[in-house]
Amino acid sequence: MDDGFRVDPDRLAAAADALNTVADRLVGEIQQLQGQLSGYGEPWGGDEIGMLIGATYDAVTEYTFDTLDEVIEDLYGDVDGLYRMAGIYQRAEDSTTDDFDQLGGQLEV
C-alpha cells in the first residue's frame, strides 16, 4: 500500500536557508575571481597575436560571467520557491489542524 508522501515545512525552509548560503558564497567567490582577473591586466601584449588572445579572453570571460550570473539568479529563484513551498504547506497544515479542532469541538458532548 502506498503511504503517499510527507512534507516537512521546517525542513523545506532549512533547505532554502542552506541554498541561500551557497548562493551567497558563490557570489562572493565570483567577485573575488573577477577581482583577481582584473589584477592581471592584459599580459598578452598589444601585437597582432596578443590582440587576438585578448579578444578571445574577453569573449570567454564575458560569456563565463554571464552564465554564472544566470546560475546565481536561478539559485536565488530556487531559494524563493522553497520558501514559498514551505509557507504553502505550513498554511495547509495549519488550516487542516484548525478544521479538525473545530470538528472535534462540535463532536464533544
Protein backbone atom coordinates (compact mmCIF):
# COMPACT_ATOMS: atom_id res chain seq x y z
CA MET A 1 0.00 0.00 0.00
CA ASP A 2 1.27 3.42 -0.92
CA ASP A 3 1.66 5.74 2.08
CA GLY A 4 1.80 8.85 -0.09
CA PHE A 5 4.41 11.39 0.87
CA ARG A 6 5.24 13.63 3.79
CA VAL A 7 6.35 17.22 3.64
CA ASP A 8 8.11 18.97 6.49
CA PRO A 9 7.76 22.75 6.01
CA ASP A 10 10.55 23.41 8.51
CA ARG A 11 12.96 21.22 6.54
CA LEU A 12 11.96 22.97 3.32
CA ALA A 13 12.70 26.33 4.91
CA ALA A 14 16.01 24.99 6.26
CA ALA A 15 16.91 23.78 2.77
CA ALA A 16 16.11 27.26 1.45
CA ASP A 17 18.39 28.77 4.11
CA ALA A 18 21.21 26.39 3.15
CA LEU A 19 20.79 27.04 -0.56
CA ASN A 20 20.76 30.79 0.08
CA THR A 21 24.06 30.44 1.94
CA VAL A 22 25.54 28.55 -1.02
CA ALA A 23 24.32 31.20 -3.47
CA ASP A 24 25.75 33.99 -1.31
CA ARG A 25 29.09 32.19 -1.10
CA LEU A 26 29.13 31.67 -4.86
CA VAL A 27 28.54 35.39 -5.39
CA GLY A 28 31.49 36.18 -3.13
CA GLU A 29 33.76 33.67 -4.87
CA ILE A 30 32.85 35.03 -8.30
CA GLN A 31 33.50 38.60 -7.18
CA GLN A 32 36.87 37.53 -5.80
CA LEU A 33 37.73 35.80 -9.08
CA GLN A 34 36.72 38.88 -11.08
CA GLY A 35 38.98 40.99 -8.90
CA GLN A 36 41.90 38.62 -9.35
CA LEU A 37 41.46 38.51 -13.11
CA SER A 38 41.28 42.30 -13.29
CA GLY A 39 44.54 42.47 -11.36
CA TYR A 40 46.38 40.60 -14.10
CA GLY A 41 45.81 43.35 -16.60
CA GLU A 42 46.43 42.40 -20.22
CA PRO A 43 49.64 40.35 -20.15
CA TRP A 44 49.25 39.11 -23.74
CA GLY A 45 50.60 42.31 -25.23
CA GLY A 46 49.47 44.64 -27.98
CA ASP A 47 50.81 42.90 -31.07
CA GLU A 48 48.55 41.08 -33.53
CA ILE A 49 48.62 37.73 -31.69
CA GLY A 50 48.22 39.47 -28.36
CA MET A 51 45.17 41.33 -29.64
CA LEU A 52 43.63 38.05 -30.82
CA ILE A 53 44.31 36.44 -27.47
CA GLY A 54 42.84 39.48 -25.72
CA ALA A 55 39.68 39.44 -27.82
CA THR A 56 39.24 35.72 -27.19
CA TYR A 57 39.88 36.17 -23.47
CA ASP A 58 37.34 38.99 -23.28
CA ALA A 59 34.68 36.96 -25.11
CA VAL A 60 35.24 33.85 -22.98
CA THR A 61 35.28 35.68 -19.66
CA GLU A 62 32.19 37.71 -20.57
CA TYR A 63 30.32 34.54 -21.53
CA THR A 64 31.51 32.75 -18.40
CA PHE A 65 30.46 35.51 -16.01
CA ASP A 66 27.13 36.00 -17.80
CA THR A 67 26.46 32.28 -17.40
CA LEU A 68 27.46 32.37 -13.75
CA ASP A 69 25.11 35.32 -13.21
CA GLU A 70 22.29 33.21 -14.65
CA VAL A 71 23.21 30.33 -12.34
CA ILE A 72 23.11 32.65 -9.35
CA GLU A 73 19.77 34.08 -10.45
CA ASP A 74 18.40 30.54 -10.76
CA LEU A 75 19.72 29.60 -7.32
CA TYR A 76 18.03 32.60 -5.70
CA GLY A 77 14.86 31.74 -7.61
CA ASP A 78 15.03 28.22 -6.18
CA VAL A 79 15.51 29.69 -2.70
CA ASP A 80 12.36 31.79 -3.14
CA GLY A 81 10.49 28.75 -4.45
CA LEU A 82 11.47 26.65 -1.45
CA TYR A 83 10.36 29.38 0.96
CA ARG A 84 7.04 29.73 -0.87
CA MET A 85 6.55 25.97 -0.87
CA ALA A 86 7.30 25.76 2.85
CA GLY A 87 4.76 28.51 3.52
CA ILE A 88 2.09 26.87 1.38
CA TYR A 89 2.49 23.51 3.10
CA GLN A 90 2.58 25.14 6.55
CA ARG A 91 -0.62 27.08 5.86
CA ALA A 92 -2.30 23.91 4.54
CA GLU A 93 -1.26 22.00 7.65
CA ASP A 94 -2.43 24.80 9.94
CA SER A 95 -5.75 25.02 8.13
CA THR A 96 -6.31 21.26 8.33
CA THR A 97 -5.42 21.24 12.01
CA ASP A 98 -7.86 24.10 12.65
CA ASP A 99 -10.59 22.28 10.71
CA PHE A 100 -10.12 19.11 12.75
CA ASP A 101 -10.02 21.08 16.00
CA GLN A 102 -13.32 22.74 15.08
CA LEU A 103 -14.83 19.42 14.09
CA GLY A 104 -13.64 17.85 17.32
CA GLY A 105 -15.23 20.67 19.30
CA GLN A 106 -18.53 20.14 17.56
CA LEU A 107 -18.48 16.41 18.32
CA GLU A 108 -17.83 16.80 22.04
CA VAL A 109 -20.84 16.08 24.13
